[in-house]
């Protein structure tokens, strides 16, 4: 009887431990995942204008995908960023910790379109990414690109391809805008310094933000 009682206590203890493990696992799965952040970086020399407005649409759409998503908009307007790869101390150094933060799972870069190319600020910013290739600090972060122009076919896709090329050289996972538009990225038209009337462009911005968030979560094991 004593031996039987001992085995009973052991069996009860195992059952209770197993039950507690199941409850802990269920609680962990029910809790929102943490540590997934998406940066939106506006490379327009004009702060708070159409490029940042388009990125804001992207980031809001990304947040709608999951409560785990955190977002931050960074505007380069007013910052001193020299294009020379060997540039000394300037404002780019302040951005390095933000870009390489392990918590950052996605980066969306937006630029206005100037003669079929990105802004000089965007070019300088991307040229300084050479420092990240030493250890591929941006590897496996999800990358998306956005461009705003003065016409529907104003060179936005050329700007996007230029940004994506820099991302590919960093071993980033590059995505376009998601379905149903599903092309290269977000392409928006600015009229009277506003993107509000461009329904198609707004849709591509939202789709891009959602797609970056979806892939970032999947790569993070969420």
N, C-alpha and C. Protein backbone atom coordinates (compact mmCIF):
# COMPACT_ATOMS: atom_id res chain seq x y z
N UNK A 1 0.82 -1.20 0.00
CA UNK A 1 0.00 0.00 0.00
C UNK A 1 0.86 1.26 0.00
N UNK A 2 1.94 1.20 0.79
CA UNK A 2 2.82 2.37 0.85
C UNK A 2 3.43 2.66 -0.51
N UNK A 3 3.87 1.54 -1.18
CA UNK A 3 4.49 1.71 -2.50
C UNK A 3 3.48 2.24 -3.50
N UNK A 4 2.24 1.70 -3.39
CA UNK A 4 1.18 2.16 -4.29
C UNK A 4 0.89 3.64 -4.06
N UNK A 5 0.87 4.07 -2.81
CA UNK A 5 0.62 5.47 -2.51
C UNK A 5 1.73 6.37 -3.03
N UNK A 6 2.98 5.86 -2.94
CA UNK A 6 4.12 6.64 -3.44
C UNK A 6 4.02 6.85 -4.94
N UNK A 7 3.67 5.75 -5.68
CA UNK A 7 3.52 5.87 -7.14
C UNK A 7 2.37 6.81 -7.48
N UNK A 8 1.33 6.77 -6.65
CA UNK A 8 0.21 7.67 -6.91
C UNK A 8 0.60 9.13 -6.79
N UNK A 9 1.43 9.41 -5.77
CA UNK A 9 1.87 10.80 -5.58
C UNK A 9 2.78 11.23 -6.74
N UNK A 10 3.63 10.30 -7.19
CA UNK A 10 4.51 10.60 -8.32
C UNK A 10 3.69 10.89 -9.57
N UNK A 11 2.69 10.03 -9.84
CA UNK A 11 1.85 10.21 -11.02
C UNK A 11 1.10 11.54 -10.95
N UNK A 12 0.62 11.87 -9.74
CA UNK A 12 -0.09 13.12 -9.58
C UNK A 12 0.83 14.31 -9.83
N UNK A 13 2.06 14.22 -9.34
CA UNK A 13 3.02 15.30 -9.54
C UNK A 13 3.36 15.50 -11.01
N UNK A 14 3.54 14.38 -11.72
CA UNK A 14 3.83 14.46 -13.15
C UNK A 14 2.68 15.10 -13.90
N UNK A 15 1.46 14.68 -13.54
CA UNK A 15 0.27 15.21 -14.20
C UNK A 15 0.14 16.71 -13.97
N UNK A 16 0.41 17.15 -12.73
CA UNK A 16 0.31 18.56 -12.41
C UNK A 16 1.37 19.38 -13.14
N UNK A 17 2.59 18.83 -13.23
CA UNK A 17 3.66 19.52 -13.94
C UNK A 17 3.34 19.64 -15.42
N UNK A 18 2.79 18.56 -15.99
CA UNK A 18 2.43 18.56 -17.41
C UNK A 18 1.33 19.59 -17.68
N UNK A 19 0.36 19.62 -16.75
CA UNK A 19 -0.74 20.57 -16.89
C UNK A 19 -0.24 22.01 -16.81
N UNK A 20 0.66 22.26 -15.89
CA UNK A 20 1.23 23.60 -15.75
C UNK A 20 2.00 24.00 -17.00
N UNK A 21 2.71 23.02 -17.59
CA UNK A 21 3.46 23.29 -18.82
C UNK A 21 2.53 23.67 -19.96
N UNK A 22 1.41 22.94 -20.04
CA UNK A 22 0.43 23.24 -21.08
C UNK A 22 -0.16 24.64 -20.90
N UNK A 23 -0.47 24.99 -19.66
CA UNK A 23 -1.02 26.32 -19.39
C UNK A 23 -0.01 27.40 -19.74
N UNK A 24 1.26 27.18 -19.40
CA UNK A 24 2.31 28.16 -19.69
C UNK A 24 2.48 28.34 -21.19
N UNK A 25 2.45 27.21 -21.92
CA UNK A 25 2.59 27.28 -23.37
C UNK A 25 1.41 28.01 -23.99
N UNK A 26 0.22 27.73 -23.51
CA UNK A 26 -0.98 28.39 -24.03
C UNK A 26 -0.93 29.89 -23.78
N UNK A 27 -0.46 30.25 -22.59
CA UNK A 27 -0.36 31.67 -22.27
C UNK A 27 0.67 32.37 -23.15
N UNK A 28 1.76 31.67 -23.42
CA UNK A 28 2.81 32.23 -24.27
C UNK A 28 2.32 32.42 -25.69
N UNK A 29 1.55 31.42 -26.19
CA UNK A 29 1.04 31.53 -27.55
C UNK A 29 -0.04 32.59 -27.66
N UNK A 30 -0.79 32.80 -26.58
CA UNK A 30 -1.86 33.79 -26.60
C UNK A 30 -1.33 35.20 -26.50
N UNK A 31 -0.17 35.37 -25.88
CA UNK A 31 0.41 36.70 -25.71
C UNK A 31 0.89 37.23 -27.05
N UNK A 32 0.74 38.52 -27.29
CA UNK A 32 1.22 39.09 -28.55
C UNK A 32 2.73 38.98 -28.65
N UNK A 33 3.26 38.60 -29.81
CA UNK A 33 4.71 38.51 -29.97
C UNK A 33 5.37 39.87 -29.81
N UNK A 34 6.61 39.85 -29.33
CA UNK A 34 7.30 41.10 -29.05
C UNK A 34 8.52 41.24 -29.96
N UNK A 35 8.99 42.48 -30.04
CA UNK A 35 10.27 42.71 -30.68
C UNK A 35 10.27 42.72 -32.18
N UNK A 36 9.16 43.12 -32.82
CA UNK A 36 9.14 43.22 -34.28
C UNK A 36 8.84 44.68 -34.62
N UNK A 37 9.86 45.36 -35.15
CA UNK A 37 9.73 46.79 -35.43
C UNK A 37 10.01 47.07 -36.89
N UNK A 38 9.26 48.02 -37.44
CA UNK A 38 9.44 48.42 -38.84
C UNK A 38 9.73 49.91 -38.88
N UNK A 39 10.80 50.26 -39.57
CA UNK A 39 11.18 51.66 -39.73
C UNK A 39 10.71 52.18 -41.09
N UNK A 40 10.20 53.39 -41.10
CA UNK A 40 9.94 54.10 -42.34
C UNK A 40 10.92 55.26 -42.42
N UNK A 41 11.66 55.36 -43.51
CA UNK A 41 12.69 56.39 -43.62
C UNK A 41 12.39 57.28 -44.81
N UNK A 42 12.09 58.54 -44.53
CA UNK A 42 11.79 59.50 -45.58
C UNK A 42 13.07 60.21 -46.02
N UNK A 43 13.37 60.07 -47.30
CA UNK A 43 14.58 60.69 -47.86
C UNK A 43 14.26 61.98 -48.61
N UNK A 44 13.16 62.59 -48.26
CA UNK A 44 12.81 63.88 -48.86
C UNK A 44 13.51 65.00 -48.12
N UNK A 45 13.99 66.01 -48.84
CA UNK A 45 14.59 67.16 -48.16
C UNK A 45 13.55 68.06 -47.51
N UNK A 46 12.26 67.74 -47.77
CA UNK A 46 11.17 68.55 -47.20
C UNK A 46 10.48 67.74 -46.10
N UNK A 47 10.59 68.21 -44.91
CA UNK A 47 10.03 67.49 -43.76
C UNK A 47 8.50 67.59 -43.75
N UNK A 48 7.87 66.46 -43.43
CA UNK A 48 6.43 66.44 -43.25
C UNK A 48 5.61 66.57 -44.51
N UNK A 49 6.21 66.33 -45.67
CA UNK A 49 5.48 66.50 -46.93
C UNK A 49 5.01 65.14 -47.46
N UNK A 50 4.87 65.02 -48.78
CA UNK A 50 4.19 63.87 -49.37
C UNK A 50 4.91 62.54 -49.15
N UNK A 51 6.23 62.55 -49.14
CA UNK A 51 6.96 61.29 -48.94
C UNK A 51 6.73 60.75 -47.52
N UNK A 52 6.79 61.62 -46.54
CA UNK A 52 6.54 61.18 -45.16
C UNK A 52 5.08 60.79 -44.98
N UNK A 53 4.17 61.48 -45.69
CA UNK A 53 2.74 61.12 -45.61
C UNK A 53 2.50 59.73 -46.18
N UNK A 54 3.18 59.42 -47.28
CA UNK A 54 3.05 58.09 -47.88
C UNK A 54 3.62 57.01 -46.97
N UNK A 55 4.74 57.29 -46.33
CA UNK A 55 5.33 56.33 -45.39
C UNK A 55 4.45 56.14 -44.17
N UNK A 56 3.78 57.19 -43.76
CA UNK A 56 2.86 57.08 -42.64
C UNK A 56 1.73 56.11 -42.96
N UNK A 57 1.25 56.14 -44.20
CA UNK A 57 0.24 55.18 -44.64
C UNK A 57 0.78 53.76 -44.56
N UNK A 58 2.01 53.58 -45.00
CA UNK A 58 2.65 52.25 -44.95
C UNK A 58 2.72 51.73 -43.52
N UNK A 59 3.19 52.57 -42.64
CA UNK A 59 3.40 52.14 -41.26
C UNK A 59 2.09 51.85 -40.54
N UNK A 60 1.07 52.64 -40.82
CA UNK A 60 -0.24 52.38 -40.21
C UNK A 60 -0.80 51.04 -40.70
N UNK A 61 -0.62 50.76 -41.99
CA UNK A 61 -1.08 49.48 -42.53
C UNK A 61 -0.30 48.32 -41.92
N UNK A 62 0.99 48.54 -41.66
CA UNK A 62 1.82 47.50 -41.04
C UNK A 62 1.31 47.20 -39.63
N UNK A 63 0.96 48.23 -38.89
CA UNK A 63 0.47 48.03 -37.53
C UNK A 63 -0.85 47.27 -37.49
N UNK A 64 -1.64 47.41 -38.54
CA UNK A 64 -2.93 46.72 -38.58
C UNK A 64 -2.77 45.21 -38.75
N UNK A 65 -1.60 44.76 -39.18
CA UNK A 65 -1.37 43.33 -39.41
C UNK A 65 -1.34 42.57 -38.09
N UNK A 66 -0.71 43.16 -37.08
CA UNK A 66 -0.56 42.46 -35.80
C UNK A 66 -0.25 43.46 -34.69
N UNK A 67 -0.74 43.21 -33.48
CA UNK A 67 -0.39 44.08 -32.35
C UNK A 67 1.08 43.97 -31.97
N UNK A 68 1.78 43.00 -32.56
CA UNK A 68 3.21 42.83 -32.28
C UNK A 68 4.06 43.85 -33.01
N UNK A 69 3.50 44.47 -34.04
CA UNK A 69 4.28 45.38 -34.87
C UNK A 69 4.42 46.75 -34.22
N UNK A 70 5.67 47.19 -34.10
CA UNK A 70 5.97 48.55 -33.68
C UNK A 70 6.52 49.30 -34.89
N UNK A 71 6.26 50.59 -34.97
CA UNK A 71 6.73 51.36 -36.12
C UNK A 71 7.39 52.66 -35.65
N UNK A 72 8.23 53.17 -36.53
CA UNK A 72 8.85 54.47 -36.28
C UNK A 72 9.16 55.13 -37.61
N UNK A 73 8.79 56.39 -37.74
CA UNK A 73 9.09 57.17 -38.94
C UNK A 73 10.30 58.05 -38.67
N UNK A 74 11.29 57.96 -39.55
CA UNK A 74 12.50 58.76 -39.44
C UNK A 74 12.59 59.65 -40.68
N UNK A 75 12.71 60.93 -40.46
CA UNK A 75 12.85 61.86 -41.58
C UNK A 75 14.29 62.36 -41.65
N UNK A 76 14.86 62.26 -42.84
CA UNK A 76 16.25 62.70 -43.02
C UNK A 76 16.36 64.19 -43.29
N UNK A 77 15.23 64.84 -43.55
CA UNK A 77 15.23 66.28 -43.82
C UNK A 77 15.90 67.03 -42.68
N UNK A 78 16.82 67.89 -43.04
CA UNK A 78 17.52 68.69 -42.04
C UNK A 78 18.76 68.03 -41.47
N UNK A 79 18.96 66.74 -41.79
CA UNK A 79 20.16 66.05 -41.29
C UNK A 79 21.32 66.24 -42.27
N UNK A 80 22.51 66.25 -41.74
CA UNK A 80 23.70 66.34 -42.57
C UNK A 80 24.21 64.93 -42.83
N UNK A 81 24.05 64.46 -44.06
CA UNK A 81 24.51 63.13 -44.44
C UNK A 81 25.30 63.25 -45.74
N UNK A 82 26.59 63.07 -45.64
CA UNK A 82 27.46 63.16 -46.82
C UNK A 82 27.50 61.84 -47.55
N UNK A 83 27.57 61.91 -48.87
CA UNK A 83 27.54 60.70 -49.67
C UNK A 83 28.84 59.92 -49.69
N UNK A 84 29.95 60.56 -49.40
CA UNK A 84 31.23 59.87 -49.46
C UNK A 84 31.24 58.70 -48.50
N UNK A 85 31.65 57.53 -49.01
CA UNK A 85 31.68 56.32 -48.18
C UNK A 85 32.59 56.50 -46.97
N UNK A 86 33.65 57.25 -47.15
CA UNK A 86 34.61 57.45 -46.06
C UNK A 86 34.33 58.74 -45.30
N UNK A 87 33.09 59.23 -45.35
CA UNK A 87 32.75 60.48 -44.66
C UNK A 87 33.01 60.36 -43.17
N UNK A 88 33.33 61.47 -42.59
CA UNK A 88 33.62 61.47 -41.15
C UNK A 88 32.35 61.53 -40.34
N UNK A 89 32.46 62.16 -39.18
CA UNK A 89 31.33 62.24 -38.27
C UNK A 89 30.27 63.19 -38.83
N UNK A 90 29.07 62.69 -39.02
CA UNK A 90 27.94 63.52 -39.39
C UNK A 90 26.69 62.86 -38.82
N UNK A 91 25.53 63.25 -39.27
CA UNK A 91 24.29 62.75 -38.68
C UNK A 91 23.99 61.30 -39.02
N UNK A 92 24.67 60.75 -39.99
CA UNK A 92 24.43 59.33 -40.32
C UNK A 92 24.79 58.43 -39.15
N UNK A 93 25.80 58.81 -38.40
CA UNK A 93 26.24 57.99 -37.28
C UNK A 93 25.13 57.79 -36.25
N UNK A 94 24.25 58.78 -36.12
CA UNK A 94 23.16 58.67 -35.15
C UNK A 94 22.13 57.62 -35.58
N UNK A 95 22.07 57.36 -36.89
CA UNK A 95 21.07 56.43 -37.42
C UNK A 95 21.52 54.98 -37.37
N UNK A 96 22.82 54.76 -37.26
CA UNK A 96 23.36 53.39 -37.30
C UNK A 96 22.75 52.49 -36.24
N UNK A 97 22.66 52.91 -34.96
CA UNK A 97 22.06 52.02 -33.95
C UNK A 97 20.61 51.68 -34.25
N UNK A 98 19.87 52.62 -34.81
CA UNK A 98 18.46 52.37 -35.13
C UNK A 98 18.34 51.33 -36.25
N UNK A 99 19.16 51.46 -37.27
CA UNK A 99 19.08 50.57 -38.42
C UNK A 99 19.53 49.15 -38.09
N UNK A 100 20.52 49.03 -37.24
CA UNK A 100 21.09 47.72 -36.93
C UNK A 100 20.46 47.06 -35.71
N UNK A 101 19.54 47.73 -35.06
CA UNK A 101 18.87 47.17 -33.90
C UNK A 101 18.24 45.82 -34.27
N UNK A 102 18.54 44.73 -33.55
CA UNK A 102 17.96 43.42 -33.85
C UNK A 102 16.44 43.42 -33.83
N UNK A 103 15.88 44.35 -33.09
CA UNK A 103 14.42 44.45 -33.01
C UNK A 103 13.81 44.91 -34.33
N UNK A 104 14.59 45.63 -35.13
CA UNK A 104 14.10 46.13 -36.42
C UNK A 104 14.09 44.98 -37.42
N UNK A 105 12.89 44.60 -37.83
CA UNK A 105 12.73 43.47 -38.76
C UNK A 105 12.41 43.94 -40.17
N UNK A 106 12.05 45.21 -40.33
CA UNK A 106 11.71 45.72 -41.65
C UNK A 106 12.08 47.18 -41.80
N UNK A 107 12.48 47.56 -43.01
CA UNK A 107 12.84 48.95 -43.31
C UNK A 107 12.17 49.34 -44.63
N UNK A 108 11.38 50.40 -44.60
CA UNK A 108 10.75 50.93 -45.80
C UNK A 108 11.35 52.30 -46.08
N UNK A 109 11.95 52.45 -47.25
CA UNK A 109 12.58 53.71 -47.62
C UNK A 109 11.74 54.40 -48.67
N UNK A 110 11.47 55.68 -48.45
CA UNK A 110 10.70 56.47 -49.40
C UNK A 110 11.50 57.65 -49.90
N UNK A 111 11.33 57.96 -51.18
CA UNK A 111 12.03 59.10 -51.77
C UNK A 111 11.14 59.81 -52.78
N UNK A 112 11.29 61.12 -52.90
CA UNK A 112 10.65 61.80 -54.02
C UNK A 112 11.39 61.43 -55.31
N UNK A 113 10.75 61.65 -56.44
CA UNK A 113 11.34 61.32 -57.73
C UNK A 113 11.87 62.58 -58.40
N UNK A 114 13.17 62.61 -58.65
CA UNK A 114 13.79 63.74 -59.34
C UNK A 114 14.42 63.26 -60.64
N UNK A 115 13.81 63.60 -61.78
CA UNK A 115 14.34 63.21 -63.09
C UNK A 115 14.57 61.71 -63.19
N UNK A 116 13.62 60.95 -62.69
CA UNK A 116 13.69 59.49 -62.78
C UNK A 116 14.63 58.84 -61.78
N UNK A 117 15.09 59.59 -60.81
CA UNK A 117 15.98 59.03 -59.80
C UNK A 117 15.60 59.49 -58.41
N UNK A 118 16.20 58.89 -57.38
CA UNK A 118 15.92 59.29 -56.00
C UNK A 118 16.57 60.62 -55.67
N UNK A 119 16.20 61.18 -54.56
CA UNK A 119 16.80 62.44 -54.12
C UNK A 119 18.28 62.24 -53.82
N UNK A 120 19.02 63.34 -53.85
CA UNK A 120 20.45 63.26 -53.53
C UNK A 120 20.63 62.82 -52.08
N UNK A 121 19.70 63.18 -51.23
CA UNK A 121 19.75 62.76 -49.83
C UNK A 121 19.60 61.26 -49.72
N UNK A 122 18.72 60.70 -50.53
CA UNK A 122 18.52 59.24 -50.54
C UNK A 122 19.77 58.53 -51.04
N UNK A 123 20.36 59.06 -52.10
CA UNK A 123 21.58 58.45 -52.65
C UNK A 123 22.71 58.48 -51.61
N UNK A 124 22.88 59.61 -50.95
CA UNK A 124 23.93 59.73 -49.94
C UNK A 124 23.69 58.75 -48.80
N UNK A 125 22.45 58.67 -48.36
CA UNK A 125 22.09 57.77 -47.27
C UNK A 125 22.41 56.32 -47.63
N UNK A 126 22.06 55.89 -48.82
CA UNK A 126 22.30 54.51 -49.24
C UNK A 126 23.78 54.24 -49.49
N UNK A 127 24.50 55.23 -49.97
CA UNK A 127 25.94 55.04 -50.17
C UNK A 127 26.65 54.80 -48.84
N UNK A 128 26.17 55.41 -47.80
CA UNK A 128 26.78 55.23 -46.49
C UNK A 128 26.49 53.85 -45.90
N UNK A 129 25.58 53.11 -46.51
CA UNK A 129 25.30 51.75 -46.07
C UNK A 129 26.48 50.81 -46.29
N UNK A 130 27.49 51.26 -46.98
CA UNK A 130 28.67 50.43 -47.20
C UNK A 130 29.22 49.89 -45.88
N UNK A 131 29.07 50.67 -44.82
CA UNK A 131 29.60 50.26 -43.52
C UNK A 131 28.91 48.99 -43.01
N UNK A 132 27.68 48.76 -43.44
CA UNK A 132 26.93 47.60 -42.95
C UNK A 132 27.38 46.29 -43.62
N UNK A 133 28.08 46.40 -44.75
CA UNK A 133 28.49 45.18 -45.45
C UNK A 133 29.65 44.45 -44.76
N UNK A 134 30.31 45.10 -43.84
CA UNK A 134 31.43 44.44 -43.15
C UNK A 134 30.96 43.20 -42.40
N UNK A 135 29.80 43.30 -41.78
CA UNK A 135 29.24 42.13 -41.08
C UNK A 135 27.84 41.81 -41.53
N UNK A 136 27.41 42.47 -42.60
CA UNK A 136 26.05 42.33 -43.13
C UNK A 136 25.03 42.49 -42.00
N UNK A 137 25.11 43.66 -41.36
CA UNK A 137 24.26 43.94 -40.22
C UNK A 137 22.78 44.05 -40.57
N UNK A 138 22.48 44.27 -41.85
CA UNK A 138 21.07 44.39 -42.27
C UNK A 138 20.55 43.10 -42.89
N UNK A 139 21.35 42.06 -42.84
CA UNK A 139 20.96 40.78 -43.46
C UNK A 139 19.64 40.27 -42.90
N UNK A 140 18.77 39.83 -43.81
CA UNK A 140 17.46 39.22 -43.49
C UNK A 140 16.43 40.19 -42.93
N UNK A 141 16.76 41.47 -42.89
CA UNK A 141 15.71 42.44 -42.60
C UNK A 141 14.88 42.62 -43.86
N UNK A 142 13.59 42.80 -43.72
CA UNK A 142 12.71 42.95 -44.87
C UNK A 142 12.78 44.38 -45.38
N UNK A 143 12.96 44.53 -46.69
CA UNK A 143 13.08 45.86 -47.28
C UNK A 143 11.95 46.16 -48.25
N UNK A 144 11.45 47.37 -48.19
CA UNK A 144 10.44 47.85 -49.12
C UNK A 144 10.78 49.25 -49.57
N UNK A 145 10.28 49.64 -50.75
CA UNK A 145 10.61 50.96 -51.29
C UNK A 145 9.36 51.68 -51.78
N UNK A 146 9.43 52.99 -51.68
CA UNK A 146 8.30 53.85 -52.02
C UNK A 146 8.82 55.08 -52.74
N UNK A 147 8.08 55.54 -53.74
CA UNK A 147 8.47 56.75 -54.46
C UNK A 147 7.26 57.62 -54.77
N UNK A 148 7.46 58.93 -54.67
CA UNK A 148 6.42 59.90 -54.98
C UNK A 148 6.89 60.77 -56.14
N UNK A 149 6.03 60.93 -57.14
CA UNK A 149 6.37 61.75 -58.30
C UNK A 149 5.25 62.68 -58.68
N UNK A 150 5.51 63.50 -59.68
CA UNK A 150 4.52 64.48 -60.10
C UNK A 150 3.57 63.97 -61.16
N UNK A 151 3.77 62.73 -61.63
CA UNK A 151 2.90 62.15 -62.66
C UNK A 151 2.85 60.65 -62.45
N UNK A 152 1.83 60.02 -63.01
CA UNK A 152 1.68 58.58 -62.84
C UNK A 152 2.91 57.83 -63.36
N UNK A 153 3.42 58.20 -64.48
CA UNK A 153 4.62 57.57 -65.04
C UNK A 153 5.79 58.54 -64.96
N UNK A 154 6.05 58.99 -63.76
CA UNK A 154 7.08 60.01 -63.57
C UNK A 154 8.44 59.48 -63.15
N UNK A 155 8.64 58.17 -63.26
CA UNK A 155 9.93 57.59 -62.89
C UNK A 155 9.96 56.94 -61.52
N UNK A 156 8.79 56.78 -60.89
CA UNK A 156 8.75 56.21 -59.55
C UNK A 156 9.34 54.80 -59.49
N UNK A 157 9.07 53.98 -60.51
CA UNK A 157 9.59 52.61 -60.49
C UNK A 157 11.11 52.58 -60.62
N UNK A 158 11.68 53.56 -61.31
CA UNK A 158 13.14 53.64 -61.40
C UNK A 158 13.74 53.98 -60.04
N UNK A 159 13.07 54.85 -59.31
CA UNK A 159 13.53 55.19 -57.95
C UNK A 159 13.47 53.95 -57.06
N UNK A 160 12.38 53.22 -57.16
CA UNK A 160 12.21 52.01 -56.35
C UNK A 160 13.29 50.98 -56.67
N UNK A 161 13.57 50.80 -57.94
CA UNK A 161 14.60 49.82 -58.33
C UNK A 161 15.97 50.22 -57.79
N UNK A 162 16.25 51.51 -57.77
CA UNK A 162 17.53 51.99 -57.24
C UNK A 162 17.66 51.68 -55.75
N UNK A 163 16.58 51.91 -55.02
CA UNK A 163 16.59 51.62 -53.58
C UNK A 163 16.69 50.12 -53.34
N UNK A 164 15.93 49.35 -54.10
CA UNK A 164 15.95 47.90 -53.93
C UNK A 164 17.32 47.31 -54.24
N UNK A 165 18.02 47.88 -55.22
CA UNK A 165 19.36 47.39 -55.56
C UNK A 165 20.30 47.51 -54.36
N UNK A 166 20.21 48.64 -53.65
CA UNK A 166 21.04 48.83 -52.46
C UNK A 166 20.66 47.82 -51.37
N UNK A 167 19.38 47.55 -51.25
CA UNK A 167 18.93 46.58 -50.25
C UNK A 167 19.40 45.17 -50.57
N UNK A 168 19.36 44.81 -51.83
CA UNK A 168 19.82 43.48 -52.23
C UNK A 168 21.30 43.29 -51.93
N UNK A 169 22.07 44.36 -52.07
CA UNK A 169 23.50 44.28 -51.78
C UNK A 169 23.78 44.13 -50.29
N UNK A 170 22.77 44.35 -49.46
CA UNK A 170 22.90 44.18 -48.01
C UNK A 170 22.35 42.83 -47.55
N UNK A 171 21.96 41.98 -48.47
CA UNK A 171 21.38 40.67 -48.16
C UNK A 171 20.05 40.81 -47.42
N UNK A 172 19.33 41.88 -47.76
CA UNK A 172 18.00 42.06 -47.21
C UNK A 172 16.99 41.25 -48.02
N UNK A 173 15.84 41.02 -47.43
CA UNK A 173 14.75 40.31 -48.12
C UNK A 173 13.83 41.38 -48.70
N UNK A 174 13.92 41.60 -49.99
CA UNK A 174 13.20 42.70 -50.65
C UNK A 174 11.82 42.24 -51.11
N UNK A 175 10.82 43.04 -50.79
CA UNK A 175 9.46 42.73 -51.22
C UNK A 175 8.86 43.95 -51.91
N UNK A 176 7.83 43.70 -52.72
CA UNK A 176 7.08 44.78 -53.35
C UNK A 176 5.79 45.02 -52.60
N UNK A 177 4.93 45.82 -53.21
CA UNK A 177 3.61 46.00 -52.59
C UNK A 177 2.82 44.71 -52.76
N UNK A 178 2.05 44.38 -51.79
CA UNK A 178 1.31 43.12 -51.80
C UNK A 178 0.08 43.18 -52.67
N UNK A 179 -0.61 42.06 -52.72
CA UNK A 179 -1.82 41.98 -53.51
C UNK A 179 -2.90 42.92 -52.96
N UNK A 180 -3.80 43.39 -53.79
CA UNK A 180 -4.01 43.02 -55.19
C UNK A 180 -3.17 43.81 -56.20
N UNK A 181 -2.49 44.89 -55.76
CA UNK A 181 -1.68 45.63 -56.72
C UNK A 181 -0.41 44.87 -57.08
N UNK A 182 0.34 44.45 -56.08
CA UNK A 182 1.47 43.51 -56.24
C UNK A 182 2.38 43.80 -57.42
N UNK A 183 3.11 44.92 -57.31
CA UNK A 183 4.14 45.21 -58.31
C UNK A 183 5.47 45.44 -57.58
N UNK A 184 6.18 46.51 -57.89
CA UNK A 184 7.53 46.69 -57.36
C UNK A 184 7.57 47.34 -55.98
N UNK A 185 6.60 48.17 -55.72
CA UNK A 185 6.57 48.90 -54.46
C UNK A 185 5.47 49.93 -54.53
N UNK A 186 5.49 50.90 -53.64
CA UNK A 186 4.46 51.92 -53.62
C UNK A 186 4.82 53.07 -54.55
N UNK A 187 3.92 53.38 -55.47
CA UNK A 187 4.15 54.47 -56.42
C UNK A 187 3.01 55.48 -56.28
N UNK A 188 3.35 56.68 -55.86
CA UNK A 188 2.33 57.68 -55.59
C UNK A 188 2.53 58.93 -56.43
N UNK A 189 1.41 59.61 -56.71
CA UNK A 189 1.43 60.85 -57.48
C UNK A 189 1.03 61.99 -56.58
N UNK A 190 1.83 63.04 -56.60
CA UNK A 190 1.55 64.22 -55.80
C UNK A 190 0.96 65.32 -56.68
N UNK A 191 -0.21 65.80 -56.28
CA UNK A 191 -0.85 66.93 -56.95
C UNK A 191 -1.13 68.00 -55.90
N UNK A 192 -0.67 69.23 -56.21
CA UNK A 192 -0.85 70.32 -55.26
C UNK A 192 -0.29 69.95 -53.89
N UNK A 193 0.85 69.26 -53.91
CA UNK A 193 1.57 68.88 -52.69
C UNK A 193 0.74 67.97 -51.79
N UNK A 194 -0.03 67.07 -52.42
CA UNK A 194 -0.84 66.13 -51.65
C UNK A 194 -0.97 64.82 -52.43
N UNK A 195 -1.00 63.70 -51.69
CA UNK A 195 -1.22 62.40 -52.31
C UNK A 195 -2.64 61.89 -52.06
N UNK A 196 -3.46 62.71 -51.41
CA UNK A 196 -4.78 62.27 -50.97
C UNK A 196 -5.69 61.85 -52.13
N UNK A 197 -5.54 62.51 -53.29
CA UNK A 197 -6.42 62.23 -54.43
C UNK A 197 -5.97 61.01 -55.24
N UNK A 198 -4.81 60.48 -54.94
CA UNK A 198 -4.27 59.34 -55.70
C UNK A 198 -4.70 58.03 -55.03
N UNK A 199 -5.90 57.59 -55.35
CA UNK A 199 -6.44 56.37 -54.73
C UNK A 199 -5.57 55.16 -54.99
N UNK A 200 -5.11 55.01 -56.23
CA UNK A 200 -4.28 53.85 -56.57
C UNK A 200 -2.96 53.89 -55.80
N UNK A 201 -2.33 55.06 -55.80
CA UNK A 201 -1.06 55.19 -55.09
C UNK A 201 -1.19 54.93 -53.61
N UNK A 202 -2.25 55.44 -53.01
CA UNK A 202 -2.51 55.20 -51.59
C UNK A 202 -2.66 53.71 -51.33
N UNK A 203 -3.35 53.01 -52.25
CA UNK A 203 -3.53 51.56 -52.10
C UNK A 203 -2.19 50.84 -52.14
N UNK A 204 -1.30 51.27 -53.03
CA UNK A 204 0.01 50.61 -53.10
C UNK A 204 0.82 50.85 -51.83
N UNK A 205 0.68 52.03 -51.23
CA UNK A 205 1.39 52.33 -49.98
C UNK A 205 0.89 51.43 -48.86
N UNK A 206 -0.41 51.29 -48.76
CA UNK A 206 -0.98 50.42 -47.73
C UNK A 206 -0.57 48.96 -47.96
N UNK A 207 -0.61 48.53 -49.21
CA UNK A 207 -0.25 47.15 -49.53
C UNK A 207 1.22 46.88 -49.23
N UNK A 208 2.07 47.87 -49.48
CA UNK A 208 3.50 47.70 -49.18
C UNK A 208 3.73 47.56 -47.68
N UNK A 209 3.09 48.42 -46.90
CA UNK A 209 3.24 48.32 -45.46
C UNK A 209 2.77 46.99 -44.92
N UNK A 210 1.64 46.54 -45.41
CA UNK A 210 1.10 45.25 -44.97
C UNK A 210 2.03 44.10 -45.36
N UNK A 211 2.53 44.14 -46.58
CA UNK A 211 3.39 43.05 -47.06
C UNK A 211 4.70 42.98 -46.28
N UNK A 212 5.31 44.12 -46.02
CA UNK A 212 6.55 44.14 -45.22
C UNK A 212 6.29 43.55 -43.84
N UNK A 213 5.17 43.92 -43.23
CA UNK A 213 4.84 43.41 -41.90
C UNK A 213 4.61 41.90 -41.92
N UNK A 214 3.89 41.42 -42.91
CA UNK A 214 3.60 39.98 -43.00
C UNK A 214 4.88 39.16 -43.12
N UNK A 215 5.79 39.59 -43.99
CA UNK A 215 7.03 38.84 -44.20
C UNK A 215 7.94 38.98 -42.99
N UNK A 216 7.98 40.15 -42.38
CA UNK A 216 8.81 40.36 -41.19
C UNK A 216 8.36 39.43 -40.06
N UNK A 217 7.06 39.32 -39.87
CA UNK A 217 6.54 38.43 -38.83
C UNK A 217 6.88 36.99 -39.13
N UNK A 218 6.76 36.60 -40.39
CA UNK A 218 7.04 35.20 -40.75
C UNK A 218 8.53 34.88 -40.52
N UNK A 219 9.41 35.79 -40.91
CA UNK A 219 10.83 35.55 -40.73
C UNK A 219 11.21 35.54 -39.24
N UNK A 220 10.43 36.26 -38.44
CA UNK A 220 10.68 36.28 -37.00
C UNK A 220 10.05 35.08 -36.29
N UNK A 221 9.44 34.18 -37.07
CA UNK A 221 8.83 33.00 -36.49
C UNK A 221 7.51 33.26 -35.83
N UNK A 222 6.81 34.31 -36.24
CA UNK A 222 5.51 34.65 -35.65
C UNK A 222 4.40 34.05 -36.47
